[in-house]
Protein backbone atom coordinates (compact mmCIF):
# COMPACT_ATOMS: atom_id res chain seq x y z
CA MET A 1 0.16 0.03 -0.13
CA SER A 2 1.76 3.51 -0.79
CA THR A 3 -0.23 6.69 0.26
CA THR A 4 1.29 9.45 -1.13
CA PRO A 5 0.62 13.19 0.09
CA GLU A 6 0.01 15.56 -3.50
CA ARG A 7 3.51 18.21 -3.65
CA THR A 8 3.95 21.03 -5.70
CA THR A 9 7.23 22.12 -4.68
CA THR A 10 10.85 20.83 -5.13
CA ILE A 11 11.53 18.31 -2.14
CA ARG A 12 14.69 19.55 0.11
CA TRP A 13 14.60 16.64 2.33
CA SER A 14 13.47 13.08 2.13
CA VAL A 15 13.47 11.20 5.38
CA VAL A 16 13.04 7.61 5.17
CA VAL A 17 12.23 5.07 7.50
CA PRO A 18 13.39 1.61 7.55
CA ALA A 19 10.97 -0.15 9.99
CA TYR A 20 10.89 -3.71 11.11
CA ASN A 21 8.68 -5.23 13.76
CA CYS A 22 9.41 -1.92 15.97
CA ALA A 23 6.27 -0.22 15.88
CA HIS A 24 6.34 0.52 19.46
CA PHE A 25 9.23 2.67 18.79
CA LEU A 26 7.84 4.30 15.77
CA PRO A 27 5.51 6.84 17.46
CA GLU A 28 8.53 8.79 19.26
CA THR A 29 10.58 8.38 16.19
CA LEU A 30 8.18 9.64 13.63
CA GLY A 31 6.67 12.45 16.11
CA GLU A 32 9.71 14.54 16.53
CA VAL A 33 10.19 14.31 12.91
CA VAL A 34 7.02 15.27 11.69
CA THR A 35 7.42 18.26 14.28
CA GLN A 36 10.34 19.58 12.31
CA LEU A 37 9.53 18.69 9.39
CA GLY A 38 5.66 18.77 8.66
CA ASP A 39 4.69 21.82 8.51
CA ARG A 40 7.69 22.18 5.33
CA GLU A 41 6.24 21.70 2.22
CA ASP A 42 9.58 20.96 0.65
CA ALA A 43 9.62 17.90 3.04
CA GLU A 44 8.59 13.92 2.57
CA ILE A 45 8.50 11.34 5.15
CA ILE A 46 8.28 7.95 4.17
CA VAL A 47 7.79 4.65 6.17
CA VAL A 48 9.42 1.30 4.71
CA ASP A 49 7.84 -1.55 6.08
CA ASP A 50 10.28 -4.25 5.60
CA ALA A 51 7.03 -7.00 5.69
CA SER A 52 6.82 -6.58 9.37
CA THR A 53 4.48 -8.75 11.67
CA ASP A 54 3.12 -5.88 13.99
CA ASP A 55 1.12 -2.91 12.18
CA PRO A 56 3.49 0.52 11.51
CA GLU A 57 0.90 1.34 9.17
CA ALA A 58 -1.32 2.19 12.16
CA VAL A 59 1.47 4.46 13.57
CA VAL A 60 1.91 6.13 10.28
CA ARG A 61 -2.01 6.95 10.56
CA ALA A 62 -2.04 7.49 14.12
CA VAL A 63 0.86 10.59 14.33
CA GLY A 64 1.61 11.66 10.69
CA ARG A 65 -0.60 13.85 10.44
CA GLY A 66 -1.21 13.17 6.98
CA ARG A 67 2.44 13.89 6.09
CA VAL A 68 3.95 10.46 6.53
CA ARG A 69 3.66 8.39 3.42
CA TYR A 70 3.72 4.42 4.07
CA GLU A 71 5.32 2.20 1.75
CA ARG A 72 5.42 -1.62 2.55
CA ASN A 73 7.86 -4.26 0.97
CA PRO A 74 6.21 -6.77 -1.29
CA HIS A 75 8.38 -9.30 1.00
CA ASN A 76 11.03 -9.16 3.17
CA LEU A 77 13.87 -7.62 2.06
CA GLY A 78 16.14 -7.46 5.08
CA ALA A 79 17.84 -4.50 6.30
CA ILE A 80 20.47 -3.78 2.93
CA GLY A 81 17.88 -4.28 0.59
CA THR A 82 15.40 -2.19 2.50
CA PHE A 83 17.74 0.88 3.09
CA ASN A 84 18.41 0.67 -0.82
CA ARG A 85 14.77 0.65 -1.12
CA CYS A 86 14.63 3.75 1.05
CA VAL A 87 17.66 5.51 -1.43
CA GLU A 88 15.43 4.67 -4.52
CA LEU A 89 12.19 6.01 -3.29
CA ALA A 90 13.47 9.16 -1.87
CA GLN A 91 13.30 12.27 -4.16
CA GLY A 92 14.72 14.77 -2.11
CA GLU A 93 18.24 16.92 -1.94
CA LEU A 94 18.94 15.79 1.31
CA VAL A 95 18.17 11.78 2.08
CA HIS A 96 17.89 10.95 5.75
CA LEU A 97 17.92 7.33 6.68
CA LEU A 98 16.06 6.85 9.83
CA HIS A 99 15.71 3.42 11.73
CA GLY A 100 12.04 3.35 12.85
CA ASP A 101 13.40 2.56 16.58
CA ASP A 102 16.01 5.67 16.46
CA ILE A 103 15.15 9.20 17.15
CA VAL A 104 16.23 12.61 16.52
CA LEU A 105 16.77 15.47 18.56
CA ALA A 106 14.93 19.37 18.71
CA GLY A 107 17.02 21.13 16.39
CA PHE A 108 18.40 18.18 14.04
CA TYR A 109 17.15 19.33 10.45
CA ARG A 110 17.73 22.77 11.17
CA ALA A 111 21.62 22.19 11.87
CA MET A 112 21.87 19.12 9.41
CA GLU A 113 20.73 21.58 6.72
CA ALA A 114 23.05 24.50 7.83
CA ALA A 115 25.82 22.31 7.20
CA PHE A 116 24.90 21.75 3.70
CA GLY A 117 25.70 25.39 2.98
CA ALA A 118 29.61 24.60 3.58
CA GLY A 119 31.47 26.17 1.08
CA ALA A 120 33.16 22.70 0.67
CA SER A 121 29.94 21.34 -1.06
CA PRO A 122 29.88 18.53 1.12
CA LEU A 123 28.20 15.40 0.09
CA SER A 124 27.23 13.60 3.55
CA ALA A 125 26.95 15.64 7.09
CA MET A 126 27.06 13.65 10.26
CA CYS A 127 26.27 14.80 13.63
CA ARG A 128 27.00 13.70 17.20
CA THR A 129 24.84 11.27 18.48
CA VAL A 130 23.77 9.14 22.33
CA ASP A 131 22.84 5.72 22.35
CA ILE A 132 19.86 5.14 24.11
CA ASP A 133 17.83 2.09 25.55
CA ASP A 134 14.43 0.71 25.47
CA ALA A 135 12.95 3.76 27.44
CA GLY A 136 15.08 6.20 26.20
CA ALA A 137 17.59 6.86 28.71
CA ARG A 138 20.87 8.16 27.68
CA LEU A 139 23.59 5.76 27.55
CA HIS A 140 26.61 7.43 26.25
CA GLU A 141 27.38 9.80 23.70
CA SER A 142 29.62 9.85 20.37
CA ARG A 143 33.15 11.38 20.31
CA ARG A 144 34.11 15.01 19.37
CA TYR A 145 35.65 14.57 15.71
CA ARG A 146 36.81 18.16 15.65
CA THR A 147 35.85 21.08 18.03
CA GLY A 148 33.01 23.53 15.93
CA THR A 149 30.97 22.38 13.04
CA GLY A 150 33.01 22.34 9.76
CA VAL A 151 34.59 19.91 7.09
CA TRP A 152 36.29 16.66 8.93
CA ASP A 153 39.43 16.88 6.89
CA GLY A 154 40.54 13.38 8.37
CA ALA A 155 37.42 11.74 7.87
CA PHE A 156 38.16 9.25 5.24
CA ASP A 157 41.25 8.18 7.58
CA ALA A 158 39.19 7.58 9.92
CA PHE A 159 36.02 5.85 8.37
CA VAL A 160 38.96 3.11 7.12
CA VAL A 161 39.66 2.09 10.25
CA SER A 162 36.44 1.99 12.07
CA ASN A 163 32.80 2.96 11.53
CA ARG A 164 32.46 6.36 13.24
CA VAL A 165 28.76 7.05 12.31
CA ARG A 166 25.75 5.91 13.56
CA THR A 167 23.21 5.87 10.94
CA PRO A 168 20.68 8.37 12.80
CA GLY A 169 23.10 10.91 13.01
CA ILE A 170 24.27 11.18 9.02
CA VAL A 171 22.62 12.67 5.91
CA VAL A 172 23.54 12.14 2.22
CA ARG A 173 23.07 14.46 -1.08
CA ARG A 174 20.62 11.94 -2.84
CA SER A 175 23.35 12.48 -6.15
CA ALA A 176 26.11 11.41 -4.14
CA TYR A 177 24.06 8.02 -3.12
CA GLN A 178 23.59 7.79 -6.99
CA ASP A 179 27.20 8.26 -7.69
CA VAL A 180 28.86 6.02 -5.61
CA GLY A 181 26.00 2.96 -6.21
CA GLY A 182 24.11 1.01 -3.43
CA PHE A 183 24.64 -0.46 0.02
CA ARG A 184 26.66 -3.74 -0.88
CA ALA A 185 23.90 -6.80 -0.18
CA ASP A 186 27.38 -9.02 0.56
CA LEU A 187 28.05 -6.95 4.08
CA PRO A 188 24.95 -8.05 5.93
CA HIS A 189 25.75 -6.17 8.78
CA ALA A 190 28.81 -3.63 7.51
CA ALA A 191 27.18 -2.31 4.51
CA ASP A 192 26.66 1.09 6.43
CA TRP A 193 30.67 1.11 7.42
CA GLU A 194 31.41 0.47 3.99
CA MET A 195 29.00 3.13 2.63
CA TRP A 196 30.06 5.91 4.62
CA THR A 197 33.83 5.26 3.88
CA ARG A 198 32.90 4.90 0.15
CA LEU A 199 30.97 8.65 0.46
CA ALA A 200 34.16 9.89 2.52
CA ALA A 201 36.38 9.03 -0.37
CA ALA A 202 34.41 10.65 -2.59
CA GLY A 203 33.71 13.92 -1.17
CA PRO A 204 33.94 16.50 1.93
CA VAL A 205 32.09 15.17 5.05
CA VAL A 206 30.98 18.35 7.55
CA PHE A 207 30.90 17.17 10.78
CA VAL A 208 28.28 18.97 12.99
CA ASP A 209 29.39 19.56 16.50
CA GLU A 210 26.46 18.75 18.13
CA ILE A 211 24.35 15.53 20.15
CA LEU A 212 21.14 15.95 17.49
CA ALA A 213 20.45 12.50 17.14
CA GLY A 214 19.33 8.57 19.66
CA TYR A 215 20.83 5.42 18.36
CA ARG A 216 18.42 2.46 20.24
CA LYS A 217 20.50 -0.29 21.65
CA HIS A 218 17.86 -3.01 23.33
CA GLY A 219 17.86 -6.84 23.29
CA GLU A 220 15.89 -7.30 20.26
CA SER A 221 18.28 -4.87 18.21
CA ASP A 222 20.29 -6.96 15.21
CA SER A 223 23.61 -4.89 16.99
CA SER A 224 22.76 -7.07 20.13
CA HIS A 225 22.29 -10.32 18.29
CA ARG A 226 25.61 -9.89 16.48
CA MET A 227 27.57 -9.05 20.05
CA ARG A 228 25.90 -12.24 21.51
CA THR A 229 27.40 -13.98 18.36
CA GLY A 230 30.40 -12.89 17.41
CA LEU A 231 29.39 -11.74 14.23
CA ASN A 232 30.09 -8.19 15.12
CA ILE A 233 33.77 -8.66 14.79
CA ARG A 234 34.13 -11.57 11.71
CA GLU A 235 32.22 -9.30 9.81
CA ARG A 236 34.59 -6.17 10.49
CA VAL A 237 37.45 -8.48 9.35
CA THR A 238 35.40 -8.92 6.21
CA ALA A 239 34.22 -5.41 5.76
CA ILE A 240 37.83 -4.19 6.09
CA GLY A 241 39.36 -6.24 3.38
CA MET A 242 36.18 -4.41 0.94
CA ILE A 243 37.09 -0.76 2.35
CA GLY A 244 40.68 -1.32 1.69
CA ARG A 245 39.74 -1.27 -1.44
CA HIS A 246 39.05 2.74 -1.34
CA VAL A 247 42.44 3.09 -0.21
CA PRO A 248 45.54 4.22 -2.08
CA PRO A 249 47.53 0.96 -3.03
CA ALA A 250 51.10 2.72 -1.13
CA ARG A 251 48.64 2.88 1.79
CA ARG A 252 46.61 0.06 1.97
CA SER A 253 48.48 -2.65 3.64
CA ALA A 254 49.37 0.08 6.74
CA THR A 255 45.47 0.79 6.70
CA THR A 256 44.55 -2.84 6.92
CA ARG A 257 47.14 -3.65 9.64
CA ARG A 258 45.57 -0.53 11.51
CA ALA A 259 42.13 -1.64 10.79
CA LEU A 260 42.68 -4.79 12.00
CA LEU A 261 44.71 -4.17 15.33
CA TYR A 262 41.63 -1.61 16.09
CA SER A 263 38.94 -4.67 15.53
CA VAL A 264 41.05 -6.54 18.38
CA ALA A 265 41.00 -3.78 20.77
CA TYR A 266 37.32 -3.37 20.27
CA ALA A 267 36.69 -6.99 20.67
CA GLY A 268 38.91 -6.91 23.95
CA ARG A 269 36.64 -3.88 24.98
CA SER A 270 33.61 -5.27 24.60
CA SER A 271 34.45 -8.55 26.09
CA TRP A 272 35.81 -6.44 29.52
CA GLN A 273 32.17 -4.46 29.45
CA GLN A 274 30.28 -7.56 28.99
CA ALA A 275 31.85 -9.15 31.51
CA ARG A 276 31.20 -5.86 34.05
CA GLN A 277 27.67 -6.68 33.38
CA GLN A 278 28.15 -10.49 34.06
CA GLN A 279 27.26 -11.32 30.32
CA TRP A 280 29.92 -14.12 30.86
CA ARG A 281 29.13 -15.86 27.51
CA VAL A 282 28.82 -13.07 25.26
CA ALA A 283 32.14 -11.83 26.96
CA ALA A 284 33.80 -15.20 26.22
CA VAL A 285 32.59 -14.76 22.43
CA GLN A 286 33.70 -11.24 22.16
CA ALA A 287 37.18 -12.27 23.61
CA ARG A 288 37.61 -15.48 21.14
CA GLU A 289 36.91 -13.43 17.99
CA GLY A 290 39.19 -10.52 19.13
CA VAL A 291 42.13 -13.37 19.36
CA ARG A 292 40.64 -15.31 16.05
CA CYS A 293 40.92 -11.31 14.59
CA LEU A 294 44.67 -11.23 15.58
CA LEU A 295 45.49 -14.85 14.11
CA GLN A 296 44.47 -13.33 11.45
CA LEU A 297 46.46 -10.19 10.78
CA PRO A 298 49.54 -11.71 9.27
CA ARG A 299 47.86 -13.26 6.35
CA ALA A 300 45.26 -10.66 5.88
CA VAL A 301 48.30 -7.84 5.16
CA ALA A 302 49.71 -10.21 3.13
CA HIS A 303 46.96 -10.83 1.18
CA THR A 304 46.13 -7.05 0.80
CA THR A 305 50.36 -6.72 -0.27
CA GLY A 306 49.84 -9.30 -2.88
CA ALA A 307 46.25 -7.66 -4.04
CA GLN A 308 48.51 -4.05 -4.58
CA GLU A 309 51.34 -5.96 -6.14
CA ARG A 310 48.85 -7.69 -8.73
């Protein structure tokens, strides 16, 4: 089903909300978006339902004020397939992918729109974010990568080592998505990281030095599942190999080594955090994957070096 409000103006903003079995969070997600953009004729808000078994369409009707369009995938496409469909549906100059369980804070769209007025013609802009729990309580704030809002000159070098972006905190020009291509379906849990790196390789990233979005962490999330199974670390290794292709050949081996060592440290930190919470099984899984990542380091670097020599 698709319900589309009539529109006569050029679309500046496309806020596209991929949703899967998160209807209980959706009122909070949509409520703030509608508050900020609902009165703008140059904004579209679209919920893309990945064949949920709950009822996000009812939430759209209840809180959308007639300003939110509802699209349902014909069958479950998965997270990355739905991301790509979201981008395909978007018609605005600026595209914001906002998970159905994440939130924006007051002033998000004003500040992010201003960021694209920077003289460097940025392809994307990212803000600081805060992790929140099921009830919306604040857990952890993301780092400040530069003081004050402006072009982040070191974005690409940071992204090739680790994912520095929480998806609700980044806005991308639609033309940039069209130029670099879609999210990679062969990276089901790290396609966002590879995409942000690809975009940073293609053009400037503006860092907005404000906390303006919330990333939901809860037991039902995909991130929690990956922690329990170790997929978060294993796919990091796969992603590092693909991301390395965006790095100039002369720097590729050293960059791969840095990225893998960071992943070892990340796994160790995750293990320690889980142990502090007495989540012993998850702590053991994270420690195991960290060791496995460390053992792969010589082979991975050798493979990267050989690839750039061929």
